[in-house]
């Protein structure tokens, strides 16, 4: 069984390492009263990086959690996993 916490932490660490600096940079830009468009551009870059992490975690969820529910044959578990997926996709895409 895959340890999802370890996998997700690794994904987050890899994908956001440069962006941790970017977030600190955004704070510094605000403190320095930098040009608004430059700040918004940096915020957009951080959001894009987090979006990539989100997509990888969702792929992992489908590839493991949903797949395991399907293979289990347990209809209740299958419905639950699909309902969770539909709910989260509605929130992240909406």
Protein backbone atom coordinates (compact mmCIF):
# COMPACT_ATOMS: atom_id res chain seq x y z
CA UNK A 1 0.00 0.00 0.00
CA UNK A 2 1.30 3.45 -0.93
CA UNK A 3 1.98 5.88 1.91
CA UNK A 4 0.08 8.85 0.54
CA UNK A 5 1.28 11.26 3.21
CA UNK A 6 4.90 10.64 2.24
CA UNK A 7 4.09 10.84 -1.47
CA UNK A 8 2.12 14.07 -1.07
CA UNK A 9 4.78 15.66 1.12
CA UNK A 10 7.39 14.80 -1.49
CA UNK A 11 5.27 16.28 -4.27
CA UNK A 12 4.63 19.41 -2.27
CA UNK A 13 8.29 19.80 -1.33
CA UNK A 14 9.52 19.30 -4.90
CA UNK A 15 6.94 21.53 -6.52
CA UNK A 16 6.96 24.34 -4.02
CA UNK A 17 10.59 24.68 -3.01
CA UNK A 18 11.18 27.56 -5.43
CA UNK A 19 7.77 28.95 -4.59
CA UNK A 20 8.46 29.17 -0.87
CA UNK A 21 11.05 31.72 -1.84
CA UNK A 22 8.48 33.31 -4.14
CA UNK A 23 5.99 33.67 -1.28
CA UNK A 24 8.65 35.32 0.86
CA UNK A 25 9.48 37.46 -2.15
CA UNK A 26 5.84 38.51 -2.45
CA UNK A 27 5.82 39.54 1.20
CA UNK A 28 9.01 41.52 0.63
CA UNK A 29 7.52 43.13 -2.50
CA UNK A 30 4.50 44.24 -0.49
CA UNK A 31 6.71 45.62 2.27
CA UNK A 32 8.72 47.51 -0.35
CA UNK A 33 5.52 48.83 -1.96
CA UNK A 34 6.45 47.34 -5.33
CA UNK A 35 4.42 47.83 -8.48
CA UNK A 36 1.05 46.06 -8.21
CA UNK A 37 1.33 44.20 -11.51
CA UNK A 38 4.69 42.75 -10.49
CA UNK A 39 3.16 41.48 -7.23
CA UNK A 40 0.16 39.97 -9.04
CA UNK A 41 2.51 38.27 -11.52
CA UNK A 42 4.41 36.63 -8.64
CA UNK A 43 1.15 35.55 -7.00
CA UNK A 44 0.06 34.00 -10.29
CA UNK A 45 3.30 32.01 -10.50
CA UNK A 46 2.80 30.60 -6.99
CA UNK A 47 -0.81 29.67 -7.75
CA UNK A 48 0.29 27.85 -10.92
CA UNK A 49 2.83 25.81 -8.96
CA UNK A 50 0.24 24.85 -6.35
CA UNK A 51 -2.17 23.93 -9.14
CA UNK A 52 0.42 21.46 -10.47
CA UNK A 53 0.72 19.90 -7.01
CA UNK A 54 -3.07 19.68 -6.77
CA UNK A 55 -3.24 17.90 -10.13
CA UNK A 56 -0.58 15.37 -9.10
CA UNK A 57 -2.40 14.60 -5.85
CA UNK A 58 -5.69 14.14 -7.72
CA UNK A 59 -3.99 11.79 -10.20
CA UNK A 60 -2.60 9.82 -7.26
CA UNK A 61 -6.06 9.68 -5.67
CA UNK A 62 -7.63 8.31 -8.85
CA UNK A 63 -4.76 5.92 -9.49
CA UNK A 64 -4.80 4.45 -6.01
CA UNK A 65 -7.80 5.31 -3.83
CA UNK A 66 -10.48 5.23 -6.53
CA UNK A 67 -8.86 2.27 -8.29
CA UNK A 68 -8.70 0.32 -5.01
CA UNK A 69 -12.39 1.04 -4.39
CA UNK A 70 -13.25 -0.23 -7.87
CA UNK A 71 -11.17 -3.38 -7.43
CA UNK A 72 -12.67 -4.03 -3.99
CA UNK A 73 -16.10 -4.60 -5.46
CA UNK A 74 -17.59 -2.68 -2.53
CA UNK A 75 -20.35 -0.57 -4.10
CA UNK A 76 -20.62 1.76 -1.10
CA UNK A 77 -16.88 2.47 -1.14
CA UNK A 78 -16.98 2.99 -4.92
CA UNK A 79 -19.85 5.47 -4.63
CA UNK A 80 -18.08 7.30 -1.80
CA UNK A 81 -14.82 7.68 -3.73
CA UNK A 82 -16.61 8.86 -6.88
CA UNK A 83 -18.76 11.29 -4.86
CA UNK A 84 -15.63 12.68 -3.17
CA UNK A 85 -13.94 13.10 -6.52
CA UNK A 86 -16.94 14.85 -8.09
CA UNK A 87 -17.22 17.14 -5.06
CA UNK A 88 -13.56 18.14 -5.04
CA UNK A 89 -13.46 18.63 -8.81
CA UNK A 90 -16.49 20.90 -8.52
CA UNK A 91 -14.69 22.97 -5.90
CA UNK A 92 -11.31 23.19 -7.61
CA UNK A 93 -12.67 23.77 -11.08
CA UNK A 94 -15.54 26.04 -10.07
